[in-house]
PDB file of all heavy atoms in Angstrom:
ATOM      1  N   ALA A   1     -45.601 -13.190 -13.314  1.00  0.00           N
ATOM      2  CA  ALA A   1     -44.583 -14.084 -12.764  1.00  0.00           C
ATOM      3  C   ALA A   1     -45.176 -15.373 -12.219  1.00  0.00           C
ATOM      4  O   ALA A   1     -44.477 -16.382 -12.086  1.00  0.00           O
ATOM      5  CB  ALA A   1     -43.801 -13.360 -11.672  1.00  0.00           C
ATOM      6  N   ASP A   2     -46.490 -15.367 -11.877  1.00  0.00           N
ATOM      7  CA  ASP A   2     -47.119 -16.556 -11.303  1.00  0.00           C
ATOM      8  C   ASP A   2     -47.549 -17.570 -12.355  1.00  0.00           C
ATOM      9  O   ASP A   2     -47.823 -18.728 -12.037  1.00  0.00           O
ATOM     10  CB  ASP A   2     -48.358 -16.152 -10.492  1.00  0.00           C
ATOM     11  CG  ASP A   2     -48.002 -15.273  -9.314  1.00  0.00           C
ATOM     12  OD1 ASP A   2     -47.136 -15.684  -8.528  1.00  0.00           O
ATOM     13  OD2 ASP A   2     -48.592 -14.182  -9.189  1.00  0.00           O
ATOM     14  N   VAL A   3     -47.630 -17.142 -13.604  1.00  0.00           N
ATOM     15  CA  VAL A   3     -48.141 -18.014 -14.661  1.00  0.00           C
ATOM     16  C   VAL A   3     -46.953 -18.686 -15.340  1.00  0.00           C
ATOM     17  O   VAL A   3     -46.123 -18.031 -15.976  1.00  0.00           O
ATOM     18  CB  VAL A   3     -48.973 -17.216 -15.679  1.00  0.00           C
ATOM     19  CG1 VAL A   3     -49.525 -18.163 -16.759  1.00  0.00           C
ATOM     20  CG2 VAL A   3     -50.113 -16.487 -14.986  1.00  0.00           C
ATOM     21  N   LEU A   4     -46.875 -20.008 -15.202  1.00  0.00           N
ATOM     22  CA  LEU A   4     -45.778 -20.793 -15.768  1.00  0.00           C
ATOM     23  C   LEU A   4     -46.246 -21.521 -17.024  1.00  0.00           C
ATOM     24  O   LEU A   4     -47.437 -21.780 -17.195  1.00  0.00           O
ATOM     25  CB  LEU A   4     -45.275 -21.790 -14.728  1.00  0.00           C
ATOM     26  CG  LEU A   4     -44.917 -21.183 -13.351  1.00  0.00           C
ATOM     27  CD1 LEU A   4     -44.539 -22.282 -12.369  1.00  0.00           C
ATOM     28  CD2 LEU A   4     -43.805 -20.157 -13.487  1.00  0.00           C
ATOM     29  N   LYS A   5     -45.294 -21.881 -17.875  1.00  0.00           N
ATOM     30  CA  LYS A   5     -45.622 -22.548 -19.140  1.00  0.00           C
ATOM     31  C   LYS A   5     -44.666 -23.704 -19.348  1.00  0.00           C
ATOM     32  O   LYS A   5     -43.446 -23.557 -19.228  1.00  0.00           O
ATOM     33  CB  LYS A   5     -45.505 -21.554 -20.301  1.00  0.00           C
ATOM     34  CG  LYS A   5     -45.889 -22.121 -21.658  1.00  0.00           C
ATOM     35  CD  LYS A   5     -45.753 -21.054 -22.736  1.00  0.00           C
ATOM     36  CE  LYS A   5     -46.139 -21.589 -24.111  1.00  0.00           C
ATOM     37  NZ  LYS A   5     -45.981 -20.543 -25.164  1.00  0.00           N
ATOM     38  N   ASP A   6     -45.237 -24.893 -19.613  1.00  0.00           N
ATOM     39  CA  ASP A   6     -44.368 -26.046 -19.817  1.00  0.00           C
ATOM     40  C   ASP A   6     -44.044 -26.221 -21.296  1.00  0.00           C
ATOM     41  O   ASP A   6     -44.480 -25.433 -22.147  1.00  0.00           O
ATOM     42  CB  ASP A   6     -44.979 -27.315 -19.226  1.00  0.00           C
ATOM     43  CG  ASP A   6     -46.264 -27.745 -19.907  1.00  0.00           C
ATOM     44  OD1 ASP A   6     -46.561 -27.235 -21.008  1.00  0.00           O
ATOM     45  OD2 ASP A   6     -47.002 -28.590 -19.337  1.00  0.00           O
ATOM     46  N   SER A   7     -43.307 -27.285 -21.610  1.00  0.00           N
ATOM     47  CA  SER A   7     -42.825 -27.485 -22.983  1.00  0.00           C
ATOM     48  C   SER A   7     -43.935 -27.784 -23.973  1.00  0.00           C
ATOM     49  O   SER A   7     -43.770 -27.602 -25.184  1.00  0.00           O
ATOM     50  CB  SER A   7     -41.796 -28.626 -23.003  1.00  0.00           C
ATOM     51  OG  SER A   7     -42.388 -29.832 -22.506  1.00  0.00           O
ATOM     52  N   SER A   8     -45.104 -28.222 -23.447  1.00  0.00           N
ATOM     53  CA  SER A   8     -46.223 -28.517 -24.357  1.00  0.00           C
ATOM     54  C   SER A   8     -47.101 -27.300 -24.608  1.00  0.00           C
ATOM     55  O   SER A   8     -48.080 -27.381 -25.349  1.00  0.00           O
ATOM     56  CB  SER A   8     -47.078 -29.649 -23.764  1.00  0.00           C
ATOM     57  OG  SER A   8     -47.732 -29.195 -22.579  1.00  0.00           O
ATOM     58  N   GLY A   9     -46.772 -26.184 -23.979  1.00  0.00           N
ATOM     59  CA  GLY A   9     -47.551 -24.968 -24.172  1.00  0.00           C
ATOM     60  C   GLY A   9     -48.688 -24.807 -23.187  1.00  0.00           C
ATOM     61  O   GLY A   9     -49.551 -23.932 -23.367  1.00  0.00           O
ATOM     62  N   THR A  10     -48.728 -25.654 -22.145  1.00  0.00           N
ATOM     63  CA  THR A  10     -49.778 -25.566 -21.128  1.00  0.00           C
ATOM     64  C   THR A  10     -49.364 -24.590 -20.036  1.00  0.00           C
ATOM     65  O   THR A  10     -48.240 -24.658 -19.519  1.00  0.00           O
ATOM     66  CB  THR A  10     -50.046 -26.941 -20.507  1.00  0.00           C
ATOM     67  OG1 THR A  10     -50.476 -27.843 -21.528  1.00  0.00           O
ATOM     68  CG2 THR A  10     -51.116 -26.848 -19.423  1.00  0.00           C
ATOM     69  N   TYR A  11     -50.288 -23.688 -19.696  1.00  0.00           N
ATOM     70  CA  TYR A  11     -50.018 -22.743 -18.623  1.00  0.00           C
ATOM     71  C   TYR A  11     -50.541 -23.309 -17.304  1.00  0.00           C
ATOM     72  O   TYR A  11     -51.606 -23.937 -17.253  1.00  0.00           O
ATOM     73  CB  TYR A  11     -50.730 -21.416 -18.906  1.00  0.00           C
ATOM     74  CG  TYR A  11     -50.173 -20.674 -20.097  1.00  0.00           C
ATOM     75  CD1 TYR A  11     -50.725 -20.851 -21.363  1.00  0.00           C
ATOM     76  CD2 TYR A  11     -49.102 -19.793 -19.953  1.00  0.00           C
ATOM     77  CE1 TYR A  11     -50.221 -20.180 -22.471  1.00  0.00           C
ATOM     78  CE2 TYR A  11     -48.587 -19.108 -21.052  1.00  0.00           C
ATOM     79  CZ  TYR A  11     -49.156 -19.310 -22.308  1.00  0.00           C
ATOM     80  OH  TYR A  11     -48.640 -18.637 -23.393  1.00  0.00           O
ATOM     81  N   TYR A  12     -49.815 -23.050 -16.228  1.00  0.00           N
ATOM     82  CA  TYR A  12     -50.265 -23.519 -14.924  1.00  0.00           C
ATOM     83  C   TYR A  12     -49.826 -22.544 -13.836  1.00  0.00           C
ATOM     84  O   TYR A  12     -48.911 -21.744 -14.030  1.00  0.00           O
ATOM     85  CB  TYR A  12     -49.762 -24.930 -14.640  1.00  0.00           C
ATOM     86  CG  TYR A  12     -48.259 -25.077 -14.545  1.00  0.00           C
ATOM     87  CD1 TYR A  12     -47.623 -25.041 -13.299  1.00  0.00           C
ATOM     88  CD2 TYR A  12     -47.480 -25.271 -15.688  1.00  0.00           C
ATOM     89  CE1 TYR A  12     -46.246 -25.186 -13.198  1.00  0.00           C
ATOM     90  CE2 TYR A  12     -46.106 -25.419 -15.599  1.00  0.00           C
ATOM     91  CZ  TYR A  12     -45.489 -25.361 -14.352  1.00  0.00           C
ATOM     92  OH  TYR A  12     -44.127 -25.504 -14.258  1.00  0.00           O
ATOM     93  N   ILE A  13     -50.530 -22.642 -12.693  1.00  0.00           N
ATOM     94  CA  ILE A  13     -50.272 -21.777 -11.546  1.00  0.00           C
ATOM     95  C   ILE A  13     -50.129 -22.665 -10.328  1.00  0.00           C
ATOM     96  O   ILE A  13     -50.903 -23.614 -10.139  1.00  0.00           O
ATOM     97  CB  ILE A  13     -51.435 -20.776 -11.342  1.00  0.00           C
ATOM     98  CG1 ILE A  13     -51.561 -19.854 -12.549  1.00  0.00           C
ATOM     99  CG2 ILE A  13     -51.256 -19.968 -10.057  1.00  0.00           C
ATOM    100  CD1 ILE A  13     -52.851 -19.069 -12.568  1.00  0.00           C
ATOM    101  N   ARG A  14     -49.133 -22.384  -9.483  1.00  0.00           N
ATOM    102  CA  ARG A  14     -48.925 -23.156  -8.257  1.00  0.00           C
ATOM    103  C   ARG A  14     -49.549 -22.386  -7.088  1.00  0.00           C
ATOM    104  O   ARG A  14     -49.241 -21.217  -6.867  1.00  0.00           O
ATOM    105  CB  ARG A  14     -47.446 -23.395  -8.018  1.00  0.00           C
ATOM    106  CG  ARG A  14     -47.156 -24.214  -6.758  1.00  0.00           C
ATOM    107  CD  ARG A  14     -45.680 -24.501  -6.593  1.00  0.00           C
ATOM    108  NE  ARG A  14     -45.224 -25.516  -7.564  1.00  0.00           N
ATOM    109  CZ  ARG A  14     -44.415 -25.241  -8.579  1.00  0.00           C
ATOM    110  NH1 ARG A  14     -43.987 -24.004  -8.773  1.00  0.00           N
ATOM    111  NH2 ARG A  14     -44.034 -26.193  -9.407  1.00  0.00           N
ATOM    112  N   ILE A  15     -50.449 -23.056  -6.354  1.00  0.00           N
ATOM    113  CA  ILE A  15     -51.095 -22.452  -5.181  1.00  0.00           C
ATOM    114  C   ILE A  15     -50.599 -23.184  -3.949  1.00  0.00           C
ATOM    115  O   ILE A  15     -50.775 -24.405  -3.828  1.00  0.00           O
ATOM    116  CB  ILE A  15     -52.629 -22.535  -5.276  1.00  0.00           C
ATOM    117  CG1 ILE A  15     -53.125 -21.801  -6.524  1.00  0.00           C
ATOM    118  CG2 ILE A  15     -53.281 -21.937  -4.029  1.00  0.00           C
ATOM    119  CD1 ILE A  15     -54.614 -21.904  -6.756  1.00  0.00           C
ATOM    120  N   THR A  16     -49.988 -22.451  -3.035  1.00  0.00           N
ATOM    121  CA  THR A  16     -49.401 -23.059  -1.846  1.00  0.00           C
ATOM    122  C   THR A  16     -50.037 -22.469  -0.585  1.00  0.00           C
ATOM    123  O   THR A  16     -50.822 -21.510  -0.647  1.00  0.00           O
ATOM    124  CB  THR A  16     -47.885 -22.807  -1.824  1.00  0.00           C
ATOM    125  OG1 THR A  16     -47.649 -21.386  -1.765  1.00  0.00           O
ATOM    126  CG2 THR A  16     -47.206 -23.381  -3.056  1.00  0.00           C
ATOM    127  N   GLY A  17     -49.679 -23.059   0.555  1.00  0.00           N
ATOM    128  CA  GLY A  17     -50.115 -22.511   1.838  1.00  0.00           C
ATOM    129  C   GLY A  17     -51.583 -22.704   2.139  1.00  0.00           C
ATOM    130  O   GLY A  17     -52.180 -21.922   2.888  1.00  0.00           O
ATOM    131  N   ILE A  18     -52.170 -23.732   1.568  1.00  0.00           N
ATOM    132  CA  ILE A  18     -53.607 -23.951   1.800  1.00  0.00           C
ATOM    133  C   ILE A  18     -53.865 -24.372   3.243  1.00  0.00           C
ATOM    134  O   ILE A  18     -54.814 -23.927   3.890  1.00  0.00           O
ATOM    135  CB  ILE A  18     -54.160 -24.995   0.807  1.00  0.00           C
ATOM    136  CG1 ILE A  18     -54.041 -24.462  -0.628  1.00  0.00           C
ATOM    137  CG2 ILE A  18     -55.615 -25.322   1.128  1.00  0.00           C
ATOM    138  CD1 ILE A  18     -54.462 -25.460  -1.687  1.00  0.00           C
ATOM    139  N   GLY A  19     -53.009 -25.265   3.800  1.00  0.00           N
ATOM    140  CA  GLY A  19     -53.163 -25.690   5.192  1.00  0.00           C
ATOM    141  C   GLY A  19     -54.483 -26.374   5.457  1.00  0.00           C
ATOM    142  O   GLY A  19     -55.183 -26.098   6.431  1.00  0.00           O
ATOM    143  N   PHE A  20     -54.829 -27.322   4.604  1.00  0.00           N
ATOM    144  CA  PHE A  20     -56.146 -27.949   4.646  1.00  0.00           C
ATOM    145  C   PHE A  20     -56.009 -29.372   5.170  1.00  0.00           C
ATOM    146  O   PHE A  20     -55.275 -30.181   4.605  1.00  0.00           O
ATOM    147  CB  PHE A  20     -56.730 -27.947   3.230  1.00  0.00           C
ATOM    148  CG  PHE A  20     -58.088 -28.565   3.113  1.00  0.00           C
ATOM    149  CD1 PHE A  20     -59.194 -27.940   3.665  1.00  0.00           C
ATOM    150  CD2 PHE A  20     -58.262 -29.752   2.434  1.00  0.00           C
ATOM    151  CE1 PHE A  20     -60.455 -28.511   3.536  1.00  0.00           C
ATOM    152  CE2 PHE A  20     -59.518 -30.325   2.309  1.00  0.00           C
ATOM    153  CZ  PHE A  20     -60.614 -29.692   2.868  1.00  0.00           C
ATOM    154  N   ASN A  21     -56.701 -29.702   6.257  1.00  0.00           N
ATOM    155  CA  ASN A  21     -56.597 -31.020   6.870  1.00  0.00           C
ATOM    156  C   ASN A  21     -57.740 -31.936   6.439  1.00  0.00           C
ATOM    157  O   ASN A  21     -58.899 -31.513   6.392  1.00  0.00           O
ATOM    158  CB  ASN A  21     -56.608 -30.904   8.392  1.00  0.00           C
ATOM    159  CG  ASN A  21     -55.379 -30.186   8.916  1.00  0.00           C
ATOM    160  OD1 ASN A  21     -54.288 -30.374   8.398  1.00  0.00           O
ATOM    161  ND2 ASN A  21     -55.562 -29.357   9.933  1.00  0.00           N
ATOM    162  N   VAL A  22     -57.402 -33.185   6.141  1.00  0.00           N
ATOM    163  CA  VAL A  22     -58.401 -34.214   5.821  1.00  0.00           C
ATOM    164  C   VAL A  22     -58.282 -35.322   6.856  1.00  0.00           C
ATOM    165  O   VAL A  22     -57.339 -36.118   6.811  1.00  0.00           O
ATOM    166  CB  VAL A  22     -58.194 -34.789   4.408  1.00  0.00           C
ATOM    167  CG1 VAL A  22     -59.310 -35.788   4.088  1.00  0.00           C
ATOM    168  CG2 VAL A  22     -58.149 -33.682   3.377  1.00  0.00           C
ATOM    169  N   PRO A  23     -59.204 -35.406   7.815  1.00  0.00           N
ATOM    170  CA  PRO A  23     -59.121 -36.457   8.843  1.00  0.00           C
ATOM    171  C   PRO A  23     -59.221 -37.847   8.222  1.00  0.00           C
ATOM    172  O   PRO A  23     -59.789 -38.037   7.147  1.00  0.00           O
ATOM    173  CB  PRO A  23     -60.328 -36.158   9.746  1.00  0.00           C
ATOM    174  CG  PRO A  23     -60.632 -34.707   9.512  1.00  0.00           C
ATOM    175  CD  PRO A  23     -60.312 -34.473   8.066  1.00  0.00           C
ATOM    176  N   LYS A  24     -58.681 -38.831   8.930  1.00  0.00           N
ATOM    177  CA  LYS A  24     -58.703 -40.215   8.469  1.00  0.00           C
ATOM    178  C   LYS A  24     -60.145 -40.679   8.222  1.00  0.00           C
ATOM    179  O   LYS A  24     -61.035 -40.454   9.039  1.00  0.00           O
ATOM    180  CB  LYS A  24     -58.043 -41.118   9.513  1.00  0.00           C
ATOM    181  CG  LYS A  24     -58.068 -42.594   9.150  1.00  0.00           C
ATOM    182  CD  LYS A  24     -57.487 -43.459  10.262  1.00  0.00           C
ATOM    183  CE  LYS A  24     -57.586 -44.934   9.918  1.00  0.00           C
ATOM    184  NZ  LYS A  24     -57.054 -45.809  11.001  1.00  0.00           N
ATOM    185  N   GLY A  25     -60.364 -41.306   7.081  1.00  0.00           N
ATOM    186  CA  GLY A  25     -61.669 -41.873   6.760  1.00  0.00           C
ATOM    187  C   GLY A  25     -62.676 -40.877   6.229  1.00  0.00           C
ATOM    188  O   GLY A  25     -63.813 -41.246   5.954  1.00  0.00           O
ATOM    189  N   GLU A  26     -62.285 -39.612   6.084  1.00  0.00           N
ATOM    190  CA  GLU A  26     -63.234 -38.592   5.622  1.00  0.00           C
ATOM    191  C   GLU A  26     -62.876 -38.129   4.214  1.00  0.00           C
ATOM    192  O   GLU A  26     -61.742 -38.277   3.750  1.00  0.00           O
ATOM    193  CB  GLU A  26     -63.245 -37.395   6.575  1.00  0.00           C
ATOM    194  CG  GLU A  26     -63.824 -37.708   7.947  1.00  0.00           C
ATOM    195  CD  GLU A  26     -64.028 -36.452   8.778  1.00  0.00           C
ATOM    196  OE1 GLU A  26     -63.944 -35.342   8.206  1.00  0.00           O
ATOM    197  OE2 GLU A  26     -64.262 -36.585   9.989  1.00  0.00           O
ATOM    198  N   THR A  27     -63.879 -37.558   3.576  1.00  0.00           N
ATOM    199  CA  THR A  27     -63.688 -36.957   2.258  1.00  0.00           C
ATOM    200  C   THR A  27     -64.009 -35.476   2.360  1.00  0.00           C
ATOM    201  O   THR A  27     -65.041 -35.093   2.928  1.00  0.00           O
ATOM    202  CB  THR A  27     -64.602 -37.613   1.206  1.00  0.00           C
ATOM    203  OG1 THR A  27     -64.273 -38.996   1.110  1.00  0.00           O
ATOM    204  CG2 THR A  27     -64.446 -36.950  -0.152  1.00  0.00           C
ATOM    205  N   LYS A  28     -63.149 -34.641   1.823  1.00  0.00           N
ATOM    206  CA  LYS A  28     -63.372 -33.198   1.812  1.00  0.00           C
ATOM    207  C   LYS A  28     -63.485 -32.704   0.378  1.00  0.00           C
ATOM    208  O   LYS A  28     -62.861 -33.248  -0.543  1.00  0.00           O
ATOM    209  CB  LYS A  28     -62.222 -32.473   2.519  1.00  0.00           C
ATOM    210  CG  LYS A  28     -62.207 -32.664   4.035  1.00  0.00           C
ATOM    211  CD  LYS A  28     -63.241 -31.772   4.695  1.00  0.00           C
ATOM    212  CE  LYS A  28     -63.070 -31.773   6.207  1.00  0.00           C
ATOM    213  NZ  LYS A  28     -63.952 -30.797   6.859  1.00  0.00           N
ATOM    214  N   VAL A  29     -64.258 -31.671   0.199  1.00  0.00           N
ATOM    215  CA  VAL A  29     -64.436 -31.087  -1.124  1.00  0.00           C
ATOM    216  C   VAL A  29     -63.887 -29.672  -1.107  1.00  0.00           C
ATOM    217  O   VAL A  29     -64.278 -28.844  -0.266  1.00  0.00           O
ATOM    218  CB  VAL A  29     -65.921 -31.051  -1.535  1.00  0.00           C
ATOM    219  CG1 VAL A  29     -66.092 -30.356  -2.878  1.00  0.00           C
ATOM    220  CG2 VAL A  29     -66.482 -32.467  -1.591  1.00  0.00           C
ATOM    221  N   LEU A  30     -62.967 -29.377  -2.019  1.00  0.00           N
ATOM    222  CA  LEU A  30     -62.464 -28.022  -2.198  1.00  0.00           C
ATOM    223  C   LEU A  30     -63.122 -27.395  -3.419  1.00  0.00           C
ATOM    224  O   LEU A  30     -63.387 -28.077  -4.412  1.00  0.00           O
ATOM    225  CB  LEU A  30     -60.950 -28.032  -2.412  1.00  0.00           C
ATOM    226  CG  LEU A  30     -60.066 -28.464  -1.235  1.00  0.00           C
ATOM    227  CD1 LEU A  30     -58.597 -28.296  -1.609  1.00  0.00           C
ATOM    228  CD2 LEU A  30     -60.383 -27.673   0.015  1.00  0.00           C
ATOM    229  N   THR A  31     -63.390 -26.104  -3.342  1.00  0.00           N
ATOM    230  CA  THR A  31     -63.945 -25.358  -4.469  1.00  0.00           C
ATOM    231  C   THR A  31     -62.950 -24.278  -4.869  1.00  0.00           C
ATOM    232  O   THR A  31     -62.486 -23.505  -4.024  1.00  0.00           O
ATOM    233  CB  THR A  31     -65.284 -24.698  -4.093  1.00  0.00           C
ATOM    234  OG1 THR A  31     -66.202 -25.715  -3.696  1.00  0.00           O
ATOM    235  CG2 THR A  31     -65.856 -23.932  -5.278  1.00  0.00           C
ATOM    236  N   VAL A  32     -62.628 -24.265  -6.162  1.00  0.00           N
ATOM    237  CA  VAL A  32     -61.725 -23.244  -6.689  1.00  0.00           C
ATOM    238  C   VAL A  32     -62.553 -22.227  -7.465  1.00  0.00           C
ATOM    239  O   VAL A  32     -63.292 -22.593  -8.389  1.00  0.00           O
ATOM    240  CB  VAL A  32     -60.651 -23.869  -7.602  1.00  0.00           C
ATOM    241  CG1 VAL A  32     -59.711 -22.788  -8.134  1.00  0.00           C
ATOM    242  CG2 VAL A  32     -59.872 -24.933  -6.847  1.00  0.00           C
TER     243      VAL A  32
END
């Protein structure tokens, strides 16, 4: 149910609730 498919045949997953803050002027790196 989590795997969605668009009209071009691409599969994607929506990840929510990360709650990740990026302070002003800073760069953050996320790793998946």
